[in-house]
Amino acid sequence: MEIRKAHFPGRAPLDAYGDGGFRFANMSHHGSLLCVPSGIYGWDLKDPAAFSAAAFQRVFEEHEDIEVLLIGSGSDLRPLPADLREKFREAGIMADPMSTGAAVRTFNVLLSEGRAVAAALLAVD
C-alpha cells in the first residue's frame, strides 16, 4: 500500500473546522491545511511559533497566483515575525494573520468572489 501526503487537487470552500481538523469537498482532514491555487494540502504545522519561510515554501512557489494569504494561527491571533512579513511583501503577497475561524470564514467569502486567495490554517480543537 502506498501512503501519500494529503492533497486535494483543486480549490474548495471549507465546510467546517474544529476537533483538530477540517471538512471540505465531502471529505475530512485531521490536522492543519495549506490551501493554495494548486490544491489543498495537509500541513504539518501545529504551533504558530513554527511559522517560517520554509513552512510557507509552497505559498512562495505559487506567489504569482496569490494576492492574499490568510493565516489562521489557531484560537487566537498571533502576529507574524517581521522577517516573514517582509518576505511575503517581497513576493507581492498580502499576508493577513487572524484566528483560524476568522481565516476560514474570510477564505470562503474571497474564494466565492473569485479572488486570488490562499490560506494557511492551523487546526483547532
PDB file of N, CA and C in Angstrom:
ATOM      1  N   MET A   1       0.835  -1.158   0.000  1.00  0.00           N
ATOM      2  CA  MET A   1       0.000   0.000   0.000  1.00  0.00           C
ATOM      3  C   MET A   1       0.893   1.239   0.000  1.00  0.00           C
ATOM      4  N   GLU A   2       0.544   2.219  -0.819  1.00  0.00           N
ATOM      5  CA  GLU A   2       1.292   3.465  -0.900  1.00  0.00           C
ATOM      6  C   GLU A   2       0.560   4.533  -0.103  1.00  0.00           C
ATOM      7  N   ILE A   3       1.252   5.179   0.831  1.00  0.00           N
ATOM      8  CA  ILE A   3       0.680   6.269   1.607  1.00  0.00           C
ATOM      9  C   ILE A   3       1.275   7.563   1.087  1.00  0.00           C
ATOM     10  N   ARG A   4       0.389   8.452   0.634  1.00  0.00           N
ATOM     11  CA  ARG A   4       0.827   9.731   0.100  1.00  0.00           C
ATOM     12  C   ARG A   4       0.406  10.857   1.033  1.00  0.00           C
ATOM     13  N   LYS A   5       1.094  11.969   0.937  1.00  0.00           N
ATOM     14  CA  LYS A   5       0.699  13.144   1.706  1.00  0.00           C
ATOM     15  C   LYS A   5      -0.681  13.587   1.257  1.00  0.00           C
ATOM     16  N   ALA A   6      -1.471  14.094   2.202  1.00  0.00           N
ATOM     17  CA  ALA A   6      -2.830  14.542   1.903  1.00  0.00           C
ATOM     18  C   ALA A   6      -2.800  15.687   0.904  1.00  0.00           C
ATOM     19  N   HIS A   7      -3.596  15.557  -0.165  1.00  0.00           N
ATOM     20  CA  HIS A   7      -3.673  16.591  -1.198  1.00  0.00           C
ATOM     21  C   HIS A   7      -4.999  16.468  -1.938  1.00  0.00           C
ATOM     22  N   PHE A   8      -5.739  17.552  -2.011  1.00  0.00           N
ATOM     23  CA  PHE A   8      -6.955  17.646  -2.815  1.00  0.00           C
ATOM     24  C   PHE A   8      -6.617  18.551  -3.991  1.00  0.00           C
ATOM     25  N   PRO A   9      -6.656  18.045  -5.214  1.00  0.00           N
ATOM     26  CA  PRO A   9      -6.179  18.815  -6.376  1.00  0.00           C
ATOM     27  C   PRO A   9      -7.211  19.802  -6.915  1.00  0.00           C
ATOM     28  N   GLY A  10      -7.530  20.787  -6.142  1.00  0.00           N
ATOM     29  CA  GLY A  10      -8.481  21.793  -6.593  1.00  0.00           C
ATOM     30  C   GLY A  10      -8.733  22.801  -5.493  1.00  0.00           C
ATOM     31  N   ARG A  11      -9.627  23.722  -5.783  1.00  0.00           N
ATOM     32  CA  ARG A  11      -9.996  24.734  -4.795  1.00  0.00           C
ATOM     33  C   ARG A  11     -11.409  24.416  -4.331  1.00  0.00           C
ATOM     34  N   ALA A  12     -11.629  24.504  -3.051  1.00  0.00           N
ATOM     35  CA  ALA A  12     -12.938  24.196  -2.492  1.00  0.00           C
ATOM     36  C   ALA A  12     -13.150  25.024  -1.236  1.00  0.00           C
ATOM     37  N   PRO A  13     -14.400  25.418  -0.995  1.00  0.00           N
ATOM     38  CA  PRO A  13     -14.678  26.088   0.279  1.00  0.00           C
ATOM     39  C   PRO A  13     -14.526  25.098   1.429  1.00  0.00           C
ATOM     40  N   LEU A  14     -14.270  25.634   2.590  1.00  0.00           N
ATOM     41  CA  LEU A  14     -14.130  24.811   3.787  1.00  0.00           C
ATOM     42  C   LEU A  14     -15.482  24.784   4.497  1.00  0.00           C
ATOM     43  N   ASP A  15     -16.015  23.595   4.691  1.00  0.00           N
ATOM     44  CA  ASP A  15     -17.356  23.440   5.253  1.00  0.00           C
ATOM     45  C   ASP A  15     -17.375  23.517   6.773  1.00  0.00           C
ATOM     46  N   ALA A  16     -16.316  23.082   7.422  1.00  0.00           N
ATOM     47  CA  ALA A  16     -16.270  23.076   8.884  1.00  0.00           C
ATOM     48  C   ALA A  16     -14.827  23.007   9.352  1.00  0.00           C
ATOM     49  N   TYR A  17     -14.630  23.439  10.591  1.00  0.00           N
ATOM     50  CA  TYR A  17     -13.314  23.336  11.217  1.00  0.00           C
ATOM     51  C   TYR A  17     -13.529  23.051  12.700  1.00  0.00           C
ATOM     52  N   GLY A  18     -12.524  22.491  13.330  1.00  0.00           N
ATOM     53  CA  GLY A  18     -12.590  22.175  14.752  1.00  0.00           C
ATOM     54  C   GLY A  18     -12.293  20.709  14.979  1.00  0.00           C
ATOM     55  N   ASP A  19     -12.270  20.298  16.225  1.00  0.00           N
ATOM     56  CA  ASP A  19     -11.931  18.922  16.589  1.00  0.00           C
ATOM     57  C   ASP A  19     -10.622  18.471  15.944  1.00  0.00           C
ATOM     58  N   GLY A  20      -9.708  19.415  15.761  1.00  0.00           N
ATOM     59  CA  GLY A  20      -8.388  19.081  15.241  1.00  0.00           C
ATOM     60  C   GLY A  20      -8.302  18.929  13.740  1.00  0.00           C
ATOM     61  N   GLY A  21      -9.312  19.400  12.991  1.00  0.00           N
ATOM     62  CA  GLY A  21      -9.257  19.239  11.538  1.00  0.00           C
ATOM     63  C   GLY A  21     -10.265  20.094  10.800  1.00  0.00           C
ATOM     64  N   PHE A  22     -10.517  19.708   9.538  1.00  0.00           N
ATOM     65  CA  PHE A  22     -11.355  20.477   8.632  1.00  0.00           C
ATOM     66  C   PHE A  22     -12.201  19.535   7.780  1.00  0.00           C
ATOM     67  N   ARG A  23     -13.326  20.053   7.283  1.00  0.00           N
ATOM     68  CA  ARG A  23     -14.155  19.332   6.314  1.00  0.00           C
ATOM     69  C   ARG A  23     -14.271  20.201   5.061  1.00  0.00           C
ATOM     70  N   PHE A  24     -14.118  19.568   3.901  1.00  0.00           N
ATOM     71  CA  PHE A  24     -14.245  20.255   2.611  1.00  0.00           C
ATOM     72  C   PHE A  24     -14.453  19.204   1.533  1.00  0.00           C
ATOM     73  N   ALA A  25     -15.163  19.561   0.485  1.00  0.00           N
ATOM     74  CA  ALA A  25     -15.361  18.691  -0.687  1.00  0.00           C
ATOM     75  C   ALA A  25     -15.806  17.279  -0.286  1.00  0.00           C
ATOM     76  N   ASN A  26     -16.744  17.182   0.663  1.00  0.00           N
ATOM     77  CA  ASN A  26     -17.257  15.898   1.148  1.00  0.00           C
ATOM     78  C   ASN A  26     -16.171  14.998   1.725  1.00  0.00           C
ATOM     79  N   MET A  27     -15.109  15.608   2.254  1.00  0.00           N
ATOM     80  CA  MET A  27     -14.012  14.861   2.872  1.00  0.00           C
ATOM     81  C   MET A  27     -13.670  15.528   4.193  1.00  0.00           C
ATOM     82  N   SER A  28     -12.870  14.846   4.990  1.00  0.00           N
ATOM     83  CA  SER A  28     -12.365  15.459   6.205  1.00  0.00           C
ATOM     84  C   SER A  28     -10.859  15.238   6.275  1.00  0.00           C
ATOM     85  N   HIS A  29     -10.206  16.141   6.969  1.00  0.00           N
ATOM     86  CA  HIS A  29      -8.760  16.054   7.146  1.00  0.00           C
ATOM     87  C   HIS A  29      -8.444  16.380   8.590  1.00  0.00           C
ATOM     88  N   HIS A  30      -7.695  15.523   9.242  1.00  0.00           N
ATOM     89  CA  HIS A  30      -7.253  15.784  10.608  1.00  0.00           C
ATOM     90  C   HIS A  30      -5.882  16.448  10.546  1.00  0.00           C
ATOM     91  N   GLY A  31      -5.773  17.625  11.117  1.00  0.00           N
ATOM     92  CA  GLY A  31      -4.528  18.377  11.100  1.00  0.00           C
ATOM     93  C   GLY A  31      -4.698  19.695  10.385  1.00  0.00           C
ATOM     94  N   SER A  32      -3.620  20.415  10.235  1.00  0.00           N
ATOM     95  CA  SER A  32      -3.622  21.734   9.612  1.00  0.00           C
ATOM     96  C   SER A  32      -3.668  21.628   8.089  1.00  0.00           C
ATOM     97  N   LEU A  33      -4.057  22.742   7.439  1.00  0.00           N
ATOM     98  CA  LEU A  33      -4.203  22.768   5.979  1.00  0.00           C
ATOM     99  C   LEU A  33      -3.478  23.953   5.374  1.00  0.00           C
ATOM    100  N   LEU A  34      -3.027  23.752   4.142  1.00  0.00           N
ATOM    101  CA  LEU A  34      -2.483  24.806   3.309  1.00  0.00           C
ATOM    102  C   LEU A  34      -3.303  24.803   2.021  1.00  0.00           C
ATOM    103  N   CYS A  35      -4.059  25.883   1.795  1.00  0.00           N
ATOM    104  CA  CYS A  35      -4.936  25.999   0.628  1.00  0.00           C
ATOM    105  C   CYS A  35      -4.316  26.996  -0.342  1.00  0.00           C
ATOM    106  N   VAL A  36      -3.811  26.499  -1.455  1.00  0.00           N
ATOM    107  CA  VAL A  36      -3.147  27.326  -2.464  1.00  0.00           C
ATOM    108  C   VAL A  36      -3.802  27.050  -3.822  1.00  0.00           C
ATOM    109  N   PRO A  37      -3.464  27.821  -4.850  1.00  0.00           N
ATOM    110  CA  PRO A  37      -4.118  27.613  -6.148  1.00  0.00           C
ATOM    111  C   PRO A  37      -4.022  26.188  -6.700  1.00  0.00           C
ATOM    112  N   SER A  38      -2.944  25.475  -6.413  1.00  0.00           N
ATOM    113  CA  SER A  38      -2.804  24.122  -6.962  1.00  0.00           C
ATOM    114  C   SER A  38      -3.589  23.072  -6.178  1.00  0.00           C
ATOM    115  N   GLY A  39      -4.154  23.447  -5.036  1.00  0.00           N
ATOM    116  CA  GLY A  39      -4.958  22.496  -4.287  1.00  0.00           C
ATOM    117  C   GLY A  39      -4.896  22.718  -2.786  1.00  0.00           C
ATOM    118  N   ILE A  40      -5.457  21.767  -2.066  1.00  0.00           N
ATOM    119  CA  ILE A  40      -5.483  21.801  -0.613  1.00  0.00           C
ATOM    120  C   ILE A  40      -4.567  20.686  -0.110  1.00  0.00           C
ATOM    121  N   TYR A  41      -3.614  21.063   0.727  1.00  0.00           N
ATOM    122  CA  TYR A  41      -2.591  20.133   1.195  1.00  0.00           C
ATOM    123  C   TYR A  41      -2.626  20.009   2.711  1.00  0.00           C
ATOM    124  N   GLY A  42      -2.330  18.825   3.222  1.00  0.00           N
ATOM    125  CA  GLY A  42      -2.085  18.672   4.638  1.00  0.00           C
ATOM    126  C   GLY A  42      -0.828  19.455   4.978  1.00  0.00           C
ATOM    127  N   TRP A  43      -0.828  20.115   6.135  1.00  0.00           N
ATOM    128  CA  TRP A  43       0.283  20.972   6.546  1.00  0.00           C
ATOM    129  C   TRP A  43       0.727  20.505   7.913  1.00  0.00           C
ATOM    130  N   ASP A  44       1.990  20.217   8.100  1.00  0.00           N
ATOM    131  CA  ASP A  44       2.496  19.594   9.323  1.00  0.00           C
ATOM    132  C   ASP A  44       2.592  20.532  10.529  1.00  0.00           C
ATOM    133  N   LEU A  45       2.300  21.791  10.369  1.00  0.00           N
ATOM    134  CA  LEU A  45       2.446  22.729  11.482  1.00  0.00           C
ATOM    135  C   LEU A  45       1.316  22.599  12.504  1.00  0.00           C
ATOM    136  N   LYS A  46       1.680  22.818  13.768  1.00  0.00           N
ATOM    137  CA  LYS A  46       0.694  22.784  14.852  1.00  0.00           C
ATOM    138  C   LYS A  46       0.758  24.026  15.725  1.00  0.00           C
ATOM    139  N   ASP A  47       1.836  24.785  15.601  1.00  0.00           N
ATOM    140  CA  ASP A  47       2.078  25.903  16.506  1.00  0.00           C
ATOM    141  C   ASP A  47       2.547  27.122  15.703  1.00  0.00           C
ATOM    142  N   PRO A  48       1.960  28.296  15.947  1.00  0.00           N
ATOM    143  CA  PRO A  48       2.396  29.487  15.212  1.00  0.00           C
ATOM    144  C   PRO A  48       3.853  29.854  15.462  1.00  0.00           C
ATOM    145  N   ALA A  49       4.448  29.345  16.525  1.00  0.00           N
ATOM    146  CA  ALA A  49       5.873  29.597  16.770  1.00  0.00           C
ATOM    147  C   ALA A  49       6.739  28.973  15.676  1.00  0.00           C
ATOM    148  N   ALA A  50       6.174  28.023  14.922  1.00  0.00           N
ATOM    149  CA  ALA A  50       6.914  27.355  13.848  1.00  0.00           C
ATOM    150  C   ALA A  50       6.773  28.074  12.501  1.00  0.00           C
ATOM    151  N   PHE A  51       6.066  29.198  12.462  1.00  0.00           N
ATOM    152  CA  PHE A  51       5.935  29.942  11.208  1.00  0.00           C
ATOM    153  C   PHE A  51       7.312  30.410  10.755  1.00  0.00           C
ATOM    154  N   SER A  52       7.687  30.021   9.547  1.00  0.00           N
ATOM    155  CA  SER A  52       8.976  30.397   8.968  1.00  0.00           C
ATOM    156  C   SER A  52       8.828  30.406   7.458  1.00  0.00           C
ATOM    157  N   ALA A  53       9.805  30.924   6.767  1.00  0.00           N
ATOM    158  CA  ALA A  53       9.775  30.917   5.303  1.00  0.00           C
ATOM    159  C   ALA A  53       9.698  29.483   4.784  1.00  0.00           C
ATOM    160  N   ALA A  54      10.402  28.562   5.424  1.00  0.00           N
ATOM    161  CA  ALA A  54      10.367  27.162   4.983  1.00  0.00           C
ATOM    162  C   ALA A  54       8.974  26.571   5.129  1.00  0.00           C
ATOM    163  N   ALA A  55       8.253  26.928   6.180  1.00  0.00           N
ATOM    164  CA  ALA A  55       6.902  26.407   6.389  1.00  0.00           C
ATOM    165  C   ALA A  55       5.942  26.872   5.304  1.00  0.00           C
ATOM    166  N   PHE A  56       6.235  28.020   4.710  1.00  0.00           N
ATOM    167  CA  PHE A  56       5.371  28.592   3.677  1.00  0.00           C
ATOM    168  C   PHE A  56       5.959  28.422   2.274  1.00  0.00           C
ATOM    169  N   GLN A  57       6.856  27.479   2.087  1.00  0.00           N
ATOM    170  CA  GLN A  57       7.543  27.293   0.810  1.00  0.00           C
ATOM    171  C   GLN A  57       6.571  27.145  -0.364  1.00  0.00           C
ATOM    172  N   ARG A  58       5.527  26.339  -0.188  1.00  0.00           N
ATOM    173  CA  ARG A  58       4.564  26.127  -1.281  1.00  0.00           C
ATOM    174  C   ARG A  58       3.863  27.443  -1.643  1.00  0.00           C
ATOM    175  N   VAL A  59       3.588  28.285  -0.667  1.00  0.00           N
ATOM    176  CA  VAL A  59       2.986  29.597  -0.939  1.00  0.00           C
ATOM    177  C   VAL A  59       3.930  30.422  -1.798  1.00  0.00           C
ATOM    178  N   PHE A  60       5.197  30.453  -1.432  1.00  0.00           N
ATOM    179  CA  PHE A  60       6.164  31.234  -2.217  1.00  0.00           C
ATOM    180  C   PHE A  60       6.329  30.670  -3.621  1.00  0.00           C
ATOM    181  N   GLU A  61       6.243  29.357  -3.776  1.00  0.00           N
ATOM    182  CA  GLU A  61       6.337  28.747  -5.104  1.00  0.00           C
ATOM    183  C   GLU A  61       5.167  29.164  -6.000  1.00  0.00           C
ATOM    184  N   GLU A  62       4.017  29.436  -5.406  1.00  0.00           N
ATOM    185  CA  GLU A  62       2.820  29.787  -6.175  1.00  0.00           C
ATOM    186  C   GLU A  62       2.460  31.268  -6.050  1.00  0.00           C
ATOM    187  N   HIS A  63       3.408  32.097  -5.639  1.00  0.00           N
ATOM    188  CA  HIS A  63       3.136  33.503  -5.337  1.00  0.00           C
ATOM    189  C   HIS A  63       2.515  34.287  -6.492  1.00  0.00           C
ATOM    190  N   GLU A  64       2.791  33.917  -7.717  1.00  0.00           N
ATOM    191  CA  GLU A  64       2.251  34.669  -8.858  1.00  0.00           C
ATOM    192  C   GLU A  64       0.731  34.565  -8.951  1.00  0.00           C
ATOM    193  N   ASP A  65       0.153  33.539  -8.350  1.00  0.00           N
ATOM    194  CA  ASP A  65      -1.289  33.336  -8.392  1.00  0.00           C
ATOM    195  C   ASP A  65      -1.968  33.647  -7.056  1.00  0.00           C
ATOM    196  N   ILE A  66      -1.255  34.296  -6.147  1.00  0.00           N
ATOM    197  CA  ILE A  66      -1.792  34.605  -4.820  1.00  0.00           C
ATOM    198  C   ILE A  66      -1.651  36.100  -4.546  1.00  0.00           C
ATOM    199  N   GLU A  67      -2.777  36.752  -4.250  1.00  0.00           N
ATOM    200  CA  GLU A  67      -2.739  38.153  -3.826  1.00  0.00           C
ATOM    201  C   GLU A  67      -2.826  38.267  -2.310  1.00  0.00           C
ATOM    202  N   VAL A  68      -3.682  37.433  -1.721  1.00  0.00           N
ATOM    203  CA  VAL A  68      -3.944  37.489  -0.282  1.00  0.00           C
ATOM    204  C   VAL A  68      -3.711  36.113   0.319  1.00  0.00           C
ATOM    205  N   LEU A  69      -2.955  36.074   1.411  1.00  0.00           N
ATOM    206  CA  LEU A  69      -2.757  34.846   2.172  1.00  0.00           C
ATOM    207  C   LEU A  69      -3.353  35.059   3.550  1.00  0.00           C
ATOM    208  N   LEU A  70      -4.367  34.277   3.874  1.00  0.00           N
ATOM    209  CA  LEU A  70      -4.982  34.315   5.193  1.00  0.00           C
ATOM    210  C   LEU A  70      -4.280  33.277   6.054  1.00  0.00           C
ATOM    211  N   ILE A  71      -3.786  33.708   7.200  1.00  0.00           N
ATOM    212  CA  ILE A  71      -3.033  32.807   8.070  1.00  0.00           C
ATOM    213  C   ILE A  71      -3.818  32.595   9.345  1.00  0.00           C
ATOM    214  N   GLY A  72      -4.403  31.414   9.470  1.00  0.00           N
ATOM    215  CA  GLY A  72      -5.147  31.050  10.668  1.00  0.00           C
ATOM    216  C   GLY A  72      -4.186  30.515  11.710  1.00  0.00           C
ATOM    217  N   SER A  73      -3.971  31.289  12.765  1.00  0.00           N
ATOM    218  CA  SER A  73      -2.939  30.948  13.750  1.00  0.00           C
ATOM    219  C   SER A  73      -3.492  30.221  14.977  1.00  0.00           C
ATOM    220  N   GLY A  74      -4.598  29.520  14.810  1.00  0.00           N
ATOM    221  CA  GLY A  74      -5.172  28.783  15.925  1.00  0.00           C
ATOM    222  C   GLY A  74      -6.332  29.535  16.538  1.00  0.00           C
ATOM    223  N   SER A  75      -6.505  29.386  17.841  1.00  0.00           N
ATOM    224  CA  SER A  75      -7.640  30.008  18.534  1.00  0.00           C
ATOM    225  C   SER A  75      -7.506  31.518  18.641  1.00  0.00           C
ATOM    226  N   ASP A  76      -6.286  32.019  18.625  1.00  0.00           N
ATOM    227  CA  ASP A  76      -6.039  33.447  18.798  1.00  0.00           C
ATOM    228  C   ASP A  76      -5.175  33.992  17.670  1.00  0.00           C
ATOM    229  N   LEU A  77      -5.264  35.287  17.479  1.00  0.00           N
ATOM    230  CA  LEU A  77      -4.407  35.974  16.520  1.00  0.00           C
ATOM    231  C   LEU A  77      -2.979  35.973  17.041  1.00  0.00           C
ATOM    232  N   ARG A  78      -2.049  35.582  16.191  1.00  0.00           N
ATOM    233  CA  ARG A  78      -0.618  35.644  16.513  1.00  0.00           C
ATOM    234  C   ARG A  78       0.069  36.423  15.398  1.00  0.00           C
ATOM    235  N   PRO A  79       0.713  37.523  15.703  1.00  0.00           N
ATOM    236  CA  PRO A  79       1.397  38.297  14.662  1.00  0.00           C
ATOM    237  C   PRO A  79       2.524  37.492  14.018  1.00  0.00           C
ATOM    238  N   LEU A  80       2.826  37.824  12.780  1.00  0.00           N
ATOM    239  CA  LEU A  80       3.926  37.175  12.064  1.00  0.00           C
ATOM    240  C   LEU A  80       5.251  37.832  12.434  1.00  0.00           C
ATOM    241  N   PRO A  81       6.335  37.062  12.445  1.00  0.00           N
ATOM    242  CA  PRO A  81       7.656  37.670  12.649  1.00  0.00           C
ATOM    243  C   PRO A  81       7.947  38.683  11.538  1.00  0.00           C
ATOM    244  N   ALA A  82       8.657  39.730  11.867  1.00  0.00           N
ATOM    245  CA  ALA A  82       8.946  40.812  10.920  1.00  0.00           C
ATOM    246  C   ALA A  82       9.625  40.306   9.654  1.00  0.00           C
ATOM    247  N   ASP A  83      10.588  39.383   9.780  1.00  0.00           N
ATOM    248  CA  ASP A  83      11.294  38.901   8.593  1.00  0.00           C
ATOM    249  C   ASP A  83      10.358  38.123   7.663  1.00  0.00           C
ATOM    250  N   LEU A  84       9.394  37.404   8.224  1.00  0.00           N
ATOM    251  CA  LEU A  84       8.445  36.662   7.400  1.00  0.00           C
ATOM    252  C   LEU A  84       7.463  37.620   6.722  1.00  0.00           C
ATOM    253  N   ARG A  85       7.011  38.645   7.442  1.00  0.00           N
ATOM    254  CA  ARG A  85       6.138  39.658   6.831  1.00  0.00           C
ATOM    255  C   ARG A  85       6.833  40.307   5.636  1.00  0.00           C
ATOM    256  N   GLU A  86       8.121  40.597   5.796  1.00  0.00           N
ATOM    257  CA  GLU A  86       8.888  41.220   4.715  1.00  0.00           C
ATOM    258  C   GLU A  86       9.017  40.284   3.520  1.00  0.00           C
ATOM    259  N   LYS A  87       9.232  39.013   3.769  1.00  0.00           N
ATOM    260  CA  LYS A  87       9.351  38.037   2.677  1.00  0.00           C
ATOM    261  C   LYS A  87       8.043  37.949   1.888  1.00  0.00           C
ATOM    262  N   PHE A  88       6.908  37.955   2.572  1.00  0.00           N
ATOM    263  CA  PHE A  88       5.617  37.958   1.874  1.00  0.00           C
ATOM    264  C   PHE A  88       5.471  39.240   1.049  1.00  0.00           C
ATOM    265  N   ARG A  89       5.842  40.366   1.634  1.00  0.00           N
ATOM    266  CA  ARG A  89       5.745  41.649   0.926  1.00  0.00           C
ATOM    267  C   ARG A  89       6.590  41.622  -0.340  1.00  0.00           C
ATOM    268  N   GLU A  90       7.808  41.099  -0.255  1.00  0.00           N
ATOM    269  CA  GLU A  90       8.686  40.998  -1.418  1.00  0.00           C
ATOM    270  C   GLU A  90       8.102  40.108  -2.506  1.00  0.00           C
ATOM    271  N   ALA A  91       7.330  39.101  -2.103  1.00  0.00           N
ATOM    272  CA  ALA A  91       6.703  38.188  -3.066  1.00  0.00           C
ATOM    273  C   ALA A  91       5.399  38.755  -3.621  1.00  0.00           C
ATOM    274  N   GLY A  92       4.978  39.922  -3.147  1.00  0.00           N
ATOM    275  CA  GLY A  92       3.743  40.532  -3.623  1.00  0.00           C
ATOM    276  C   GLY A  92       2.492  39.930  -3.010  1.00  0.00           C
ATOM    277  N   ILE A  93       2.636  39.326  -1.844  1.00  0.00           N
ATOM    278  CA  ILE A  93       1.508  38.687  -1.160  1.00  0.00           C
ATOM    279  C   ILE A  93       1.148  39.500   0.077  1.00  0.00           C
ATOM    280  N   MET A  94      -0.132  39.833   0.207  1.00  0.00           N
ATOM    281  CA  MET A  94      -0.616  40.471   1.419  1.00  0.00           C
ATOM    282  C   MET A  94      -0.955  39.362   2.413  1.00  0.00           C
ATOM    283  N   ALA A  95      -0.137  39.197   3.438  1.00  0.00           N
ATOM    284  CA  ALA A  95      -0.335  38.162   4.448  1.00  0.00           C
ATOM    285  C   ALA A  95      -1.120  38.752   5.611  1.00  0.00           C
ATOM    286  N   ASP A  96      -2.212  38.089   5.965  1.00  0.00           N
ATOM    287  CA  ASP A  96      -3.105  38.602   6.993  1.00  0.00           C
ATOM    288  C   ASP A  96      -3.334  37.543   8.068  1.00  0.00           C
ATOM    289  N   PRO A  97      -2.619  37.641   9.205  1.00  0.00           N
ATOM    290  CA  PRO A  97      -2.831  36.674  10.272  1.00  0.00           C
ATOM    291  C   PRO A  97      -4.119  36.973  11.039  1.00  0.00           C
ATOM    292  N   MET A  98      -4.786  35.922  11.492  1.00  0.00           N
ATOM    293  CA  MET A  98      -6.019  36.025  12.270  1.00  0.00           C
ATOM    294  C   MET A  98      -6.288  34.676  12.900  1.00  0.00           C
ATOM    295  N   SER A  99      -7.309  34.567  13.696  1.00  0.00           N
ATOM    296  CA  SER A  99      -7.644  33.255  14.252  1.00  0.00           C
ATOM    297  C   SER A  99      -8.048  32.322  13.109  1.00  0.00           C
ATOM    298  N   THR A 100      -7.953  31.034  13.346  1.00  0.00           N
ATOM    299  CA  THR A 100      -8.308  30.073  12.299  1.00  0.00           C
ATOM    300  C   THR A 100      -9.764  30.220  11.883  1.00  0.00           C
ATOM    301  N   GLY A 101     -10.666  30.398  12.835  1.00  0.00           N
ATOM    302  CA  GLY A 101     -12.087  30.559  12.494  1.00  0.00           C
ATOM    303  C   GLY A 101     -12.323  31.733  11.570  1.00  0.00           C
ATOM    304  N   ALA A 102     -11.730  32.880  11.884  1.00  0.00           N
ATOM    305  CA  ALA A 102     -11.873  34.062  11.034  1.00  0.00           C
ATOM    306  C   ALA A 102     -11.260  33.822   9.663  1.00  0.00           C
ATOM    307  N   ALA A 103     -10.135  33.135   9.622  1.00  0.00           N
ATOM    308  CA  ALA A 103      -9.474  32.849   8.344  1.00  0.00           C
ATOM    309  C   ALA A 103     -10.334  31.929   7.472  1.00  0.00           C
ATOM    310  N   VAL A 104     -10.954  30.923   8.065  1.00  0.00           N
ATOM    311  CA  VAL A 104     -11.826  30.018   7.296  1.00  0.00           C
ATOM    312  C   VAL A 104     -12.994  30.797   6.696  1.00  0.00           C
ATOM    313  N   ARG A 105     -13.648  31.611   7.506  1.00  0.00           N
ATOM    314  CA  ARG A 105     -14.804  32.378   7.011  1.00  0.00           C
ATOM    315  C   ARG A 105     -14.394  33.349   5.906  1.00  0.00           C
ATOM    316  N   THR A 106     -13.288  34.047   6.110  1.00  0.00           N
ATOM    317  CA  THR A 106     -12.818  35.012   5.111  1.00  0.00           C
ATOM    318  C   THR A 106     -12.378  34.304   3.834  1.00  0.00           C
ATOM    319  N   PHE A 107     -11.708  33.171   3.969  1.00  0.00           N
ATOM    320  CA  PHE A 107     -11.285  32.386   2.805  1.00  0.00           C
ATOM    321  C   PHE A 107     -12.494  32.015   1.949  1.00  0.00           C
ATOM    322  N   ASN A 108     -13.547  31.528   2.584  1.00  0.00           N
ATOM    323  CA  ASN A 108     -14.736  31.122   1.831  1.00  0.00           C
ATOM    324  C   ASN A 108     -15.362  32.289   1.084  1.00  0.00           C
ATOM    325  N   VAL A 109     -15.428  33.455   1.712  1.00  0.00           N
ATOM    326  CA  VAL A 109     -16.001  34.631   1.052  1.00  0.00           C
ATOM    327  C   VAL A 109     -15.143  35.036  -0.141  1.00  0.00           C
ATOM    328  N   LEU A 110     -13.828  35.158   0.063  1.00  0.00           N
ATOM    329  CA  LEU A 110     -12.954  35.589  -1.031  1.00  0.00           C
ATOM    330  C   LEU A 110     -12.909  34.560  -2.155  1.00  0.00           C
ATOM    331  N   LEU A 111     -12.942  33.283  -1.800  1.00  0.00           N
ATOM    332  CA  LEU A 111     -12.964  32.232  -2.817  1.00  0.00           C
ATOM    333  C   LEU A 111     -14.241  32.328  -3.650  1.00  0.00           C
ATOM    334  N   SER A 112     -15.379  32.577  -3.011  1.00  0.00           N
ATOM    335  CA  SER A 112     -16.647  32.684  -3.741  1.00  0.00           C
ATOM    336  C   SER A 112     -16.671  33.896  -4.667  1.00  0.00           C
ATOM    337  N   GLU A 113     -15.854  34.908  -4.345  1.00  0.00           N
ATOM    338  CA  GLU A 113     -15.748  36.100  -5.188  1.00  0.00           C
ATOM    339  C   GLU A 113     -14.734  35.929  -6.308  1.00  0.00           C
ATOM    340  N   GLY A 114     -14.072  34.771  -6.365  1.00  0.00           N
ATOM    341  CA  GLY A 114     -13.094  34.518  -7.408  1.00  0.00           C
ATOM    342  C   GLY A 114     -11.770  35.225  -7.180  1.00  0.00           C
ATOM    343  N   ARG A 115     -11.483  35.606  -5.956  1.00  0.00           N
ATOM    344  CA  ARG A 115     -10.244  36.308  -5.650  1.00  0.00           C
ATOM    345  C   ARG A 115      -9.059  35.350  -5.614  1.00  0.00           C
ATOM    346  N   ALA A 116      -7.870  35.888  -5.789  1.00  0.00           N
ATOM    347  CA  ALA A 116      -6.627  35.105  -5.753  1.00  0.00           C
ATOM    348  C   ALA A 116      -6.203  34.950  -4.295  1.00  0.00           C
ATOM    349  N   VAL A 117      -6.906  34.072  -3.587  1.00  0.00           N
ATOM    350  CA  VAL A 117      -6.705  33.903  -2.156  1.00  0.00           C
ATOM    351  C   VAL A 117      -6.083  32.550  -1.857  1.00  0.00           C
ATOM    352  N   ALA A 118      -5.278  32.516  -0.820  1.00  0.00           N
ATOM    353  CA  ALA A 118      -4.715  31.276  -0.293  1.00  0.00           C
ATOM    354  C   ALA A 118      -4.888  31.321   1.216  1.00  0.00           C
ATOM    355  N   ALA A 119      -4.782  30.168   1.861  1.00  0.00           N
ATOM    356  CA  ALA A 119      -4.922  30.134   3.313  1.00  0.00           C
ATOM    357  C   ALA A 119      -3.966  29.101   3.911  1.00  0.00           C
ATOM    358  N   ALA A 120      -3.386  29.469   5.028  1.00  0.00           N
ATOM    359  CA  ALA A 120      -2.566  28.566   5.819  1.00  0.00           C
ATOM    360  C   ALA A 120      -3.256  28.481   7.170  1.00  0.00           C
ATOM    361  N   LEU A 121      -3.781  27.296   7.489  1.00  0.00           N
ATOM    362  CA  LEU A 121      -4.687  27.172   8.625  1.00  0.00           C
ATOM    363  C   LEU A 121      -4.226  26.141   9.644  1.00  0.00           C
ATOM    364  N   LEU A 122      -3.942  26.613  10.856  1.00  0.00           N
ATOM    365  CA  LEU A 122      -3.617  25.683  11.934  1.00  0.00           C
ATOM    366  C   LEU A 122      -4.921  25.093  12.469  1.00  0.00           C
ATOM    367  N   ALA A 123      -4.931  23.805  12.660  1.00  0.00           N
ATOM    368  CA  ALA A 123      -6.113  23.121  13.182  1.00  0.00           C
ATOM    369  C   ALA A 123      -6.363  23.563  14.622  1.00  0.00           C
ATOM    370  N   VAL A 124      -7.636  23.613  14.996  1.00  0.00           N
ATOM    371  CA  VAL A 124      -8.028  23.943  16.368  1.00  0.00           C
ATOM    372  C   VAL A 124      -8.929  22.841  16.911  1.00  0.00           C
ATOM    373  N   ASP A 125      -8.942  22.723  18.236  1.00  0.00           N
ATOM    374  CA  ASP A 125      -9.807  21.715  18.872  1.00  0.00           C
ATOM    375  C   ASP A 125     -11.218  22.217  19.049  1.00  0.00           C
TER     376      ASP A 125
END
